[in-house]
Protein backbone atom coordinates (compact mmCIF):
# COMPACT_ATOMS: atom_id res chain seq x y z
CA MET A 1 108.18 91.41 85.82
CA THR A 2 112.20 92.97 86.75
CA ASP A 3 114.85 92.78 84.60
CA GLY A 4 117.99 90.83 85.53
CA GLN A 5 116.09 88.16 87.66
CA PRO A 6 113.56 85.96 87.06
CA GLY A 7 110.17 86.97 86.05
CA THR A 8 107.59 87.72 88.74
CA ASP A 9 105.12 89.02 87.62
CA GLY A 10 103.51 86.61 85.52
CA ARG A 11 100.07 85.36 84.96
CA PRO A 12 99.26 83.51 81.69
CA VAL A 13 99.29 85.04 78.80
CA THR A 14 96.04 83.84 77.11
CA ASP A 15 95.89 83.52 73.26
CA ALA A 16 95.07 85.84 70.70
CA ALA A 17 95.58 86.24 67.15
CA PRO A 18 99.01 86.92 65.71
CA ALA A 19 100.34 90.30 64.69
CA SER A 20 100.63 90.82 61.06
CA ALA A 21 104.05 91.71 59.76
CA THR A 22 105.14 95.09 59.67
CA GLU A 23 105.32 96.84 57.01
CA GLU A 24 106.14 100.31 56.45
CA ALA A 25 109.42 102.42 56.02
CA GLU A 26 110.82 104.58 58.16
CA PRO A 27 109.68 107.53 59.07
CA ALA A 28 110.63 111.30 58.07
CA ASP A 29 111.88 113.31 60.05
CA GLY A 30 110.54 113.39 63.38
CA THR A 31 112.70 110.12 63.77
CA GLY A 32 116.09 109.81 64.97
CA PRO A 33 118.69 107.42 62.85
CA THR A 34 119.81 104.39 64.12
CA THR A 35 123.00 102.87 62.88
CA PRO A 36 122.85 100.47 60.39
CA ALA A 37 122.80 96.96 61.08
CA GLU A 38 123.78 94.19 58.27
CA PRO A 39 124.03 90.67 59.58
CA ALA A 40 127.02 90.10 61.21
CA ASP A 41 127.89 86.79 58.94
CA GLY A 42 129.78 85.35 61.24
CA THR A 43 132.45 87.53 60.63
CA GLY A 44 132.78 88.89 64.17
CA PRO A 45 131.52 88.29 67.61
CA THR A 46 128.67 89.05 69.10
CA THR A 47 129.16 92.28 71.32
CA PRO A 48 129.16 92.24 74.75
CA ALA A 49 126.73 93.56 77.39
CA GLU A 50 126.19 97.12 77.08
CA PRO A 51 128.31 98.94 80.01
CA GLY A 52 125.73 100.87 82.15
CA ASP A 53 126.76 103.87 84.46
CA GLY A 54 126.08 102.40 87.83
CA ALA A 55 123.73 105.33 88.77
CA GLY A 56 120.75 104.60 90.53
CA PRO A 57 117.52 105.22 89.25
CA THR A 58 116.73 107.57 87.40
CA THR A 59 116.89 111.17 88.05
CA SER A 60 113.91 113.49 87.70
CA ALA A 61 113.87 115.97 84.88
CA GLU A 62 110.75 118.19 83.09
CA PRO A 63 108.99 115.94 80.54
CA ALA A 64 109.54 118.21 77.08
CA ASP A 65 106.72 119.07 74.31
CA ASP A 66 103.44 118.38 76.57
CA ALA A 67 102.64 115.93 74.60
CA GLY A 68 103.22 115.09 70.79
CA PRO A 69 101.38 113.63 67.75
CA THR A 70 102.13 110.06 66.88
CA THR A 71 105.13 109.85 64.60
CA SER A 72 104.49 107.39 61.66
CA ALA A 73 106.84 106.43 58.52
CA GLU A 74 105.76 106.00 55.37
CA SER A 75 107.56 103.93 52.90
CA ALA A 76 109.49 105.51 49.88
CA ASP A 77 110.68 104.49 46.74
CA GLY A 78 108.64 101.80 46.78
CA ALA A 79 111.19 100.00 49.16
CA GLY A 80 109.19 98.19 51.24
CA PRO A 81 109.52 97.06 54.63
CA ALA A 82 113.72 96.10 54.90
CA ASP A 83 114.76 99.80 53.11
CA GLY A 84 111.23 101.80 53.64
CA ALA A 85 112.88 105.34 52.97
CA GLY A 86 111.52 107.62 55.16
CA PRO A 87 109.46 110.85 54.35
CA ALA A 88 110.29 113.61 53.71
CA ASP A 89 111.78 116.16 56.42
CA ASP A 90 109.05 117.73 58.63
CA ALA A 91 106.73 114.40 58.38
CA GLU A 92 105.87 113.10 61.54
CA PRO A 93 107.00 109.35 61.27
CA THR A 94 106.17 106.24 62.43
CA ALA A 95 109.68 104.45 62.28
CA THR A 96 109.29 100.62 60.77
CA ALA A 97 112.50 97.77 60.55
CA GLY A 98 112.56 94.72 60.06
CA PRO A 99 114.96 92.15 61.55
CA ALA A 100 118.58 92.79 60.28
CA ASP A 101 119.49 90.59 57.63
CA GLY A 102 121.16 87.38 58.60
CA ALA A 103 121.54 88.36 62.18
CA GLY A 104 119.88 85.68 63.25
CA PRO A 105 117.76 85.24 66.41
CA VAL A 106 118.78 87.09 69.68
CA ALA A 107 119.89 85.11 72.27
CA PRO A 108 117.75 85.27 75.66
CA ALA A 109 118.63 87.88 78.19
CA ALA A 110 120.86 86.08 80.72
CA ALA A 111 120.20 86.81 84.40
CA VAL A 112 123.30 87.73 86.19
CA ALA A 113 123.82 85.70 89.54
CA GLY A 114 121.69 87.47 92.55
CA ALA A 115 119.27 89.11 90.31
CA GLU A 116 115.92 88.20 89.14
CA PRO A 117 113.60 89.53 86.59
CA SER A 118 110.11 90.74 87.94
CA VAL A 119 107.49 89.36 86.24
CA ARG A 120 103.95 90.81 86.92
CA ARG A 121 101.29 88.64 87.25
CA ILE A 122 98.58 88.52 84.32
CA ARG A 123 95.47 90.15 85.88
CA PRO A 124 92.47 89.28 84.47
CA LEU A 125 94.10 87.05 81.68
CA GLY A 126 97.46 87.25 81.11
CA VAL A 127 99.46 90.15 82.09
CA ALA A 128 102.57 89.29 83.29
CA LEU A 129 105.29 91.84 83.71
CA ALA A 130 108.77 90.92 83.74
CA ALA A 131 110.40 93.54 84.85
CA PHE A 132 114.38 92.48 84.76
CA VAL A 133 115.79 95.09 86.10
CA LEU A 134 118.60 93.48 88.63
CA LEU A 135 122.56 93.52 88.43
CA LEU A 136 122.39 93.46 84.36
CA ALA A 137 125.30 93.43 82.49
CA CYS A 138 125.05 97.35 82.54
CA GLY A 139 126.81 97.34 85.64
CA LEU A 140 129.41 94.53 85.22
CA PRO A 141 132.83 95.33 84.33
CA ALA A 142 133.79 94.42 80.51
CA ALA A 143 135.33 91.40 81.58
CA LEU A 144 133.00 89.81 83.35
CA VAL A 145 130.31 91.18 80.34
CA THR A 146 132.28 90.02 77.66
CA GLY A 147 132.16 86.52 79.25
CA LEU A 148 127.72 86.66 79.57
CA VAL A 149 127.90 86.83 75.47
CA ARG A 150 125.85 84.22 73.79
CA ALA A 151 127.56 81.06 73.47
CA GLY A 152 129.26 80.03 70.67
CA ASP A 153 130.09 83.35 69.52
CA PRO A 154 133.09 84.18 68.91
CA PRO A 155 134.80 86.06 71.95
CA ALA A 156 135.00 90.15 71.60
CA PRO A 157 138.62 91.09 69.89
CA GLY A 158 141.00 92.10 73.16
CA PRO A 159 143.58 94.48 73.44
CA SER A 160 146.29 94.05 70.81
CA ALA A 161 149.47 92.54 72.03
CA ALA A 162 151.53 94.50 69.80
CA PRO A 163 153.70 97.33 71.40
CA ALA A 164 152.49 100.63 71.16
CA ASP A 165 154.99 101.55 68.58
CA ASP A 166 154.00 99.07 66.38
CA PRO A 167 153.53 100.25 62.68
CA GLY A 168 150.65 98.01 62.48
CA VAL A 169 149.12 99.13 65.65
CA ALA A 170 149.66 102.91 64.69
CA ALA A 171 148.06 102.12 61.73
CA ALA A 172 144.91 100.38 63.26
CA ARG A 173 144.36 103.45 65.56
CA ARG A 174 144.89 105.88 62.68
CA LEU A 175 142.14 103.98 60.65
CA GLY A 176 139.81 104.28 63.72
CA GLU A 177 139.91 107.75 64.35
CA ARG A 178 139.01 107.77 60.78
CA MET A 179 135.96 105.74 61.59
CA SER A 180 135.21 107.51 64.39
CA ALA A 181 135.28 111.00 62.57
CA GLU A 182 132.78 109.24 59.94
CA LEU A 183 130.30 108.19 62.60
CA ALA A 184 130.54 111.49 64.44
CA ARG A 185 129.06 112.92 60.94
CA GLN A 186 126.75 110.13 61.20
CA SER A 187 126.19 111.62 64.63
CA ALA A 188 125.47 114.72 63.58
CA ALA A 189 123.11 114.24 60.44
CA LEU A 190 121.00 112.19 62.85
CA LEU A 191 120.18 114.70 65.31
CA GLY A 192 119.99 117.16 62.38
CA GLY A 193 117.10 115.13 60.58
CA ASP A 194 119.49 114.53 57.67
CA ARG A 195 118.77 111.33 56.05
CA ALA A 196 121.25 111.57 53.09
CA ARG A 197 124.06 112.43 55.33
CA PHE A 198 123.38 109.62 57.62
CA LEU A 199 123.13 107.27 54.78
CA ALA A 200 126.21 109.28 52.93
CA VAL A 201 129.52 107.07 55.08
CA ALA A 202 128.34 103.66 54.70
CA GLU A 203 128.32 101.02 51.15
CA PRO A 204 124.67 101.21 49.67
CA ALA A 205 124.47 97.48 50.54
CA ALA A 206 124.08 99.15 54.27
CA HIS A 207 121.07 101.73 53.20
CA PRO A 208 118.19 99.32 54.07
CA ASP A 209 118.94 98.71 57.50
CA LEU A 210 120.33 102.12 58.04
CA ARG A 211 117.12 103.79 56.65
CA ARG A 212 115.02 101.71 58.89
CA ARG A 213 117.16 102.45 61.78
CA TYR A 214 117.14 106.04 61.44
CA ALA A 215 113.76 106.16 60.79
CA ALA A 216 112.64 104.20 64.15
CA LEU A 217 115.09 106.61 65.62
CA ARG A 218 113.43 109.44 64.55
CA ALA A 219 110.25 108.64 65.37
CA LEU A 220 111.35 107.87 69.10
CA ARG A 221 112.39 111.87 69.08
CA VAL A 222 116.27 111.00 69.58
CA THR A 223 117.42 113.99 71.03
CA ALA A 224 121.58 112.89 71.76
CA TRP A 225 122.96 110.22 70.14
CA GLN A 226 126.81 109.82 70.35
CA ALA A 227 129.06 107.28 68.73
CA ASP A 228 132.13 106.10 70.98
CA ALA A 229 134.84 103.12 69.62
CA SER A 230 135.31 101.08 72.34
CA GLY A 231 139.21 99.97 71.47
CA PRO A 232 140.80 99.85 68.17
CA PRO A 233 139.09 98.30 64.90
CA VAL A 234 140.48 94.64 64.04
CA PRO A 235 140.76 92.87 60.71
CA VAL A 236 137.57 90.52 59.42
CA GLU A 237 139.60 87.28 59.24
CA GLY A 238 139.01 86.08 55.47
CA ARG A 239 138.10 89.61 54.53
CA PRO A 240 141.35 91.62 53.10
CA GLY A 241 140.01 95.54 53.75
CA GLU A 242 138.05 94.57 56.05
CA TRP A 243 137.54 95.58 59.58
CA ARG A 244 135.72 94.99 62.75
CA LEU A 245 135.10 97.98 65.50
CA LEU A 246 133.08 97.74 68.90
CA VAL A 247 130.91 101.50 69.31
CA GLU A 248 129.21 102.34 72.65
CA PHE A 249 126.27 104.55 71.25
CA ARG A 250 124.69 106.99 73.68
CA TYR A 251 121.11 108.39 73.47
CA CYS A 252 118.64 109.86 74.92
CA PHE A 253 114.99 110.24 73.61
CA VAL A 254 112.54 113.46 73.37
CA THR A 255 113.84 114.88 77.04
CA PRO A 256 117.11 117.22 76.11
CA ASP A 257 119.50 117.08 78.48
CA CYS A 258 118.61 113.59 80.02
CA ARG A 259 121.42 110.88 81.01
CA THR A 260 121.98 109.05 77.78
CA SER A 261 121.31 105.08 77.56
CA ARG A 262 123.72 103.05 76.41
CA VAL A 263 124.10 100.09 73.96
CA LEU A 264 127.18 98.72 72.81
CA THR A 265 127.58 97.36 69.28
CA GLY A 266 129.94 96.06 66.01
CA THR A 267 130.04 97.78 63.58
CA ARG A 268 132.10 96.37 60.23
CA TRP A 269 134.05 98.98 57.55
CA ARG A 270 135.86 98.99 54.50
CA GLU A 271 138.93 100.59 55.24
CA GLY A 272 140.00 103.72 53.00
CA GLU A 273 141.27 106.84 53.87
CA ARG A 274 137.78 107.07 54.45
CA PRO A 275 136.63 104.61 55.43
CA ARG A 276 132.97 103.19 54.29
CA LEU A 277 130.58 101.37 56.96
CA LEU A 278 129.07 97.83 55.93
CA ALA A 279 127.29 97.22 58.59
CA VAL A 280 125.91 97.85 62.01
CA GLU A 281 125.32 94.59 63.85
CA PRO A 282 122.07 93.75 66.18
CA SER A 283 123.76 94.81 69.83
CA ARG A 284 122.84 91.03 70.68
CA SER A 285 124.22 92.17 74.42
CA ALA A 286 124.03 88.82 77.37
CA ALA A 287 121.47 91.12 79.91
CA THR A 288 119.86 93.48 77.99
CA GLY A 289 118.96 91.73 74.29
CA THR A 290 118.71 94.01 71.15
CA ARG A 291 116.85 97.36 71.42
CA PRO A 292 113.63 97.74 69.45
CA TRP A 293 114.70 100.66 67.24
CA GLU A 294 117.50 98.11 66.00
CA VAL A 295 115.40 95.84 64.38
CA SER A 296 111.70 96.84 63.87
CA GLU A 297 109.99 99.57 62.68
CA LEU A 298 108.28 101.90 65.14
CA ALA A 299 104.75 103.80 65.66
CA VAL A 300 105.27 106.07 67.88
CA ALA A 301 103.54 108.70 70.25
CA VAL A 302 104.62 110.99 73.21
CA GLY A 303 102.85 112.37 76.14
CA PRO A 304 103.87 114.89 78.44
CA ARG A 305 104.83 111.70 80.92
CA THR A 306 105.59 108.16 78.20
CA LEU A 307 106.79 107.67 75.27
CA VAL A 308 104.68 104.47 73.58
CA ALA A 309 106.05 102.53 70.85
CA THR A 310 104.26 99.69 68.62
CA THR A 311 105.12 98.75 65.13
CA PRO A 312 102.62 99.49 62.08
CA ALA A 313 100.87 96.81 61.75
CA LEU A 314 99.39 97.57 65.79
CA ARG A 315 99.44 101.51 65.12
CA LYS A 316 95.94 102.00 65.75
CA GLU A 317 96.63 100.77 69.23
CA LEU A 318 98.56 103.65 69.92
CA PRO A 319 96.21 106.81 70.87
CA GLY A 320 94.91 104.13 73.72
CA LEU A 321 97.34 102.93 75.21
CA LEU A 322 99.28 105.94 75.27
CA ALA A 323 96.32 107.22 77.30
CA GLN A 324 96.58 104.47 79.64
CA ALA A 325 100.30 104.81 79.76
CA GLU A 326 99.59 108.77 81.00
CA ALA A 327 97.19 107.45 84.02
CA ALA A 328 99.77 104.83 84.97
CA ALA A 329 102.72 107.28 84.87
CA ARG A 330 100.39 109.67 87.16
CA ILE A 331 100.00 106.83 89.76
CA ALA A 332 104.73 105.63 89.15
CA ASP A 333 105.28 108.90 90.03
CA THR A 334 104.59 108.63 93.70
CA TYR A 335 106.64 105.65 93.83
CA ALA A 336 109.83 106.88 92.90
CA VAL A 337 112.47 106.42 95.46
CA GLY A 338 113.80 109.85 96.55
CA GLY A 339 111.28 111.42 94.21
CA ARG A 340 113.60 110.82 91.24
CA THR A 341 110.86 110.01 88.84
CA PRO A 342 112.21 108.86 85.70
CA ASP A 343 112.23 111.89 82.62
CA ARG A 344 110.02 110.22 80.37
CA TYR A 345 108.80 106.09 80.88
CA ARG A 346 109.28 104.41 77.66
CA ILE A 347 107.07 101.53 76.82
CA PHE A 348 107.72 99.04 73.78
CA HIS A 349 104.39 97.18 72.58
CA ALA A 350 105.39 93.95 70.91
CA GLY A 351 103.74 91.86 68.58
CA ARG A 352 104.25 87.94 68.31
CA GLY A 353 107.67 88.48 66.16
CA GLU A 354 108.83 91.40 67.95
CA TRP A 355 107.73 89.75 71.71
CA GLN A 356 110.63 86.58 70.17
CA ARG A 357 113.16 89.54 69.40
CA TRP A 358 112.72 92.32 71.03
CA TYR A 359 115.72 92.49 74.45
CA GLY A 360 116.68 88.82 73.46
CA GLY A 361 113.11 87.51 73.99
CA GLY A 362 113.35 84.13 75.82
CA ARG A 363 110.58 85.28 78.60
CA PRO A 364 108.45 82.49 80.76
CA LYS A 365 105.56 81.69 78.76
CA TRP A 366 103.44 83.35 81.35
CA THR A 367 105.06 86.62 80.88
CA GLY A 368 103.11 89.42 79.83
CA GLY A 369 105.39 92.28 80.27
CA TYR A 370 108.70 93.41 81.45
CA ALA A 371 110.39 96.28 82.28
CA VAL A 372 114.17 95.87 81.46
CA THR A 373 117.25 98.57 82.72
CA VAL A 374 119.26 100.14 79.78
CA GLY A 375 121.41 102.74 81.72
CA GLY A 376 120.99 106.06 82.13
CA GLY A 377 118.36 105.45 85.21
CA HIS A 378 116.28 104.29 82.20
CA HIS A 379 113.65 101.30 82.32
CA GLU A 380 112.00 100.58 79.18
CA VAL A 381 108.78 98.46 79.14
CA VAL A 382 107.93 95.91 76.96
CA LEU A 383 103.84 94.62 76.55
CA ASN A 384 103.17 91.23 75.53
CA ALA A 385 100.09 92.44 72.56
CA GLU A 386 99.05 88.86 72.65
CA GLY A 387 98.58 88.61 76.26
CA LEU A 388 96.80 91.97 76.57
CA VAL A 389 92.50 92.14 77.32
CA ALA A 390 90.47 94.68 78.19
CA GLY A 391 90.33 95.56 81.26
CA GLY A 392 93.89 94.33 82.00
CA VAL A 393 95.76 96.98 80.66
CA ASP A 394 95.67 99.72 83.08
CA ASP A 395 97.29 97.62 86.32
CA LEU A 396 99.91 96.19 84.26
CA LEU A 397 101.06 99.36 83.13
CA ARG A 398 100.63 100.58 86.97
CA HIS A 399 102.46 97.88 87.76
CA GLU A 400 105.09 97.79 85.27
CA LEU A 401 106.04 101.86 85.44
CA THR A 402 105.90 101.79 89.48
CA HIS A 403 109.43 99.27 87.97
CA ALA A 404 110.79 102.03 86.13
CA ALA A 405 110.54 104.36 89.21
CA SER A 406 110.83 102.53 92.03
CA LEU A 407 113.72 100.24 91.43
CA PRO A 408 117.31 101.04 90.98
CA GLU A 409 119.23 100.82 87.79
CA ARG A 410 121.87 97.84 89.24
CA GLY A 411 118.69 95.83 89.99
CA TYR A 412 117.13 94.54 93.36
CA PRO A 413 119.49 92.28 95.57
CA GLY A 414 117.95 88.63 94.68
CA LYS A 415 115.35 86.12 94.95
CA ASP A 416 114.54 86.57 98.74
CA THR A 417 113.77 90.06 97.64
CA TRP A 418 111.25 89.74 95.01
CA TRP A 419 108.06 89.82 97.08
CA LEU A 420 109.06 93.45 98.47
CA VAL A 421 109.20 94.61 94.83
CA GLU A 422 106.69 92.96 92.83
CA GLY A 423 104.27 93.73 95.82
CA LEU A 424 104.84 97.24 95.48
CA ALA A 425 103.93 96.90 91.61
CA GLU A 426 101.30 95.09 92.69
CA TYR A 427 99.52 97.00 95.57
CA ALA A 428 100.25 100.15 92.80
CA GLY A 429 98.46 98.60 90.26
CA ALA A 430 95.92 97.61 92.26
CA ASP A 431 95.61 101.22 93.18
CA GLY A 432 93.21 101.47 96.01
CA GLU A 433 91.30 98.66 94.91
CA PRO A 434 88.85 96.39 97.62
CA ILE A 435 91.28 93.63 98.81
CA ASP A 436 88.30 91.35 97.37
CA ARG A 437 88.21 92.67 94.08
CA TYR A 438 91.98 91.83 93.70
CA ALA A 439 92.45 89.18 90.97
CA GLY A 440 94.50 86.25 92.40
CA LEU A 441 92.75 85.59 95.51
CA ASP A 442 91.56 82.24 94.87
CA GLU A 443 95.06 81.32 93.80
CA VAL A 444 96.89 82.47 96.86
CA ARG A 445 93.99 79.97 98.27
CA GLY A 446 95.36 77.71 96.03
CA LEU A 447 98.97 78.25 97.17
CA LEU A 448 98.79 78.28 100.68
CA GLY A 449 98.69 74.35 101.03
CA GLY A 450 101.91 73.87 99.46
CA TRP A 451 103.63 76.88 100.58
CA ASP A 452 106.37 77.20 103.16
CA GLY A 453 105.13 80.14 104.87
CA ARG A 454 108.36 82.14 103.91
CA LEU A 455 108.02 85.43 101.55
CA ASP A 456 111.32 85.04 100.73
CA SER A 457 110.78 82.11 99.09
CA LEU A 458 107.95 83.45 96.71
CA SER A 459 109.63 83.90 93.70
CA PRO A 460 108.30 81.61 90.56
CA ALA A 461 110.74 79.42 88.39
CA ASP A 462 110.48 80.28 84.87
CA ASP A 463 108.71 76.96 84.28
CA ALA A 464 106.13 77.36 87.05
CA PRO A 465 102.37 77.00 86.11
CA ALA A 466 100.20 80.31 86.14
CA ASP A 467 98.25 79.43 89.23
CA ARG A 468 101.85 79.19 91.53
CA VAL A 469 103.18 82.39 89.71
CA SER A 470 99.82 84.40 90.18
CA GLY A 471 99.40 82.61 93.39
CA SER A 472 102.87 84.18 93.96
CA TYR A 473 102.10 87.77 93.37
CA GLY A 474 99.05 87.31 95.33
CA ILE A 475 101.05 87.02 98.83
CA SER A 476 103.47 89.76 97.83
CA TYR A 477 100.60 91.99 97.27
CA LEU A 478 98.71 90.68 100.46
CA ALA A 479 102.03 91.02 102.39
CA VAL A 480 102.61 94.81 101.36
CA ARG A 481 99.07 96.16 101.28
CA HIS A 482 99.54 95.09 104.96
CA LEU A 483 102.63 97.02 105.90
CA VAL A 484 101.17 100.07 104.15
CA ASP A 485 98.12 99.51 106.32
CA ARG A 486 100.53 99.29 109.53
CA PHE A 487 102.76 102.16 108.63
CA GLY A 488 101.68 103.86 105.70
CA PRO A 489 103.08 104.32 102.24
CA GLU A 490 105.75 106.79 102.75
CA ARG A 491 107.37 104.78 105.83
CA LEU A 492 106.79 101.67 103.37
CA LEU A 493 108.92 103.56 100.35
CA ALA A 494 111.35 104.23 103.12
CA PHE A 495 111.53 100.65 103.66
CA PHE A 496 112.13 99.71 100.50
CA ALA A 497 114.76 102.15 99.64
CA ALA A 498 116.55 100.42 102.62
CA VAL A 499 116.41 96.61 101.79
CA VAL A 500 116.16 97.60 97.46
CA HIS A 501 118.74 100.42 97.23
CA GLU A 502 120.56 100.46 100.01
CA ARG A 503 120.97 96.71 100.22
CA THR A 504 120.53 96.67 103.92
CA PRO A 505 119.42 93.07 105.14
CA VAL A 506 115.48 93.05 105.87
CA ASP A 507 115.57 92.30 109.72
CA ARG A 508 117.57 95.82 110.11
CA ALA A 509 115.73 97.59 107.97
CA ALA A 510 112.62 96.82 109.87
CA GLU A 511 114.64 97.73 113.25
CA GLN A 512 115.84 101.21 111.61
CA VAL A 513 112.69 102.18 109.37
CA LEU A 514 109.74 100.49 110.58
CA GLY A 515 110.31 100.07 114.53
CA GLU A 516 109.65 96.89 114.71
CA ALA A 517 111.58 93.32 114.62
CA TRP A 518 111.24 91.80 111.02
CA SER A 519 110.55 88.01 112.45
CA ALA A 520 107.10 89.45 114.28
CA LEU A 521 106.22 91.92 111.28
CA HIS A 522 106.53 88.97 108.87
CA ALA A 523 104.50 86.16 111.32
CA GLU A 524 101.76 89.73 110.75
CA CYS A 525 102.30 89.64 106.89
CA VAL A 526 102.02 86.25 106.93
CA GLY A 527 98.63 86.08 109.20
CA TYR A 528 96.92 88.33 107.56
CA VAL A 529 97.29 86.76 103.82
CA ARG A 530 95.91 83.38 105.96
CA ALA A 531 93.06 85.94 107.48
CA VAL A 532 92.28 87.54 103.71
CA VAL A 533 91.24 84.25 102.32
CA GLY A 534 89.76 81.95 104.82
């Protein structure tokens, strides 16, 4: 499934025992700091969706460190999950972090007009992928992004109407500069593995959340962390001496010089010659929602091509998931448009609670996984631990990582190209298996009677029944498979690039890339589907 558009890869998720709550504190050094997050208390608006660079797919980069042991965080000071202090430097941590106090539920990701998340249908039992990659707020103008913030939240502060030489404006600007200096100190401490200095900019009440964030970021091997104020600070109504500052955090994991991902977050401060950080709010943006490292403790494993993170309660699954992810990455790399493979595939394995919180939650019930764009050419993949079954993880990973490799950062054009986006990912997921072993043939057969025969109408609704979803994925897979059989994988990928990346109309792309009229090719694809299922 792709982000920014309705889910397209999902088969129904099977019931599974709920994952237990996380219980560990943040990891020791090997984990990068996250900024503190205290409840917003209703004192300030939720942050608008984070900006993106509007850039295309991620650029190719060589992986750093061919592999790395699983990082894990140990609790210190008997703090428990909320403030678990991380172990001393040099430990390979597992970062754990619970939800920010009082932060409340995160708003579900909002689909932007023309964008539909691609959800992968669940293979044998429940592996739906939802790669929401469309027109996420990452590429939208700030004014529009602000309008996408969760309903009921106060609006983000706008520019001051006061003259530039107004004493109050000048004082706020100087206060903002001092806040930025504190954030710079904190960023340097995070990258340097100095937790004490990282916490020193904040009041003690903010430390539990900051320790958790620090541990999670260090576990994820943060290699770049930059905090930039997004406008001047504004006073918090009803709280004299408190101010709110919107901050854009830019970050990289594992790879030193990657294009940074971005997240826009609200921070709260107490004024002073050296302002004191009171809280970092979860980035409840309309498009992508809260990142895992903002609200959860994380156990992390890193390989040559992938980074896999989960909660401490599911840590035992990391070695197997890492091996499967590395194998899937080798397949996904072959579907990178223009050869621009991601520097690292980022995969987050979510338990029941995390599935509802990470990236806004609110996915269709049949979704077993999804990929979401986070800027900098990166897509982060989320797997639903309760929907994974033996034998169904490998194809799900191939499917979702193929979305991460093949989709442009701004997402794909819309529902009418859903079949091509999901069909390519399903083709990669099948990895050359014979057609008669494809798990969705029965559902394809069941859908044919009520289908209008148009590929551009296959995108299922969020509340579609599981068999309708599986049938849609299956038809998309068979259509793409037919095109590969006719023209070969290279020309199919060139056709995909023209339609999905360059936004060329399908009929024109077919003539330019495949040399044939789309009306005839479309009829061939539909005829092939009907012939396969009988």
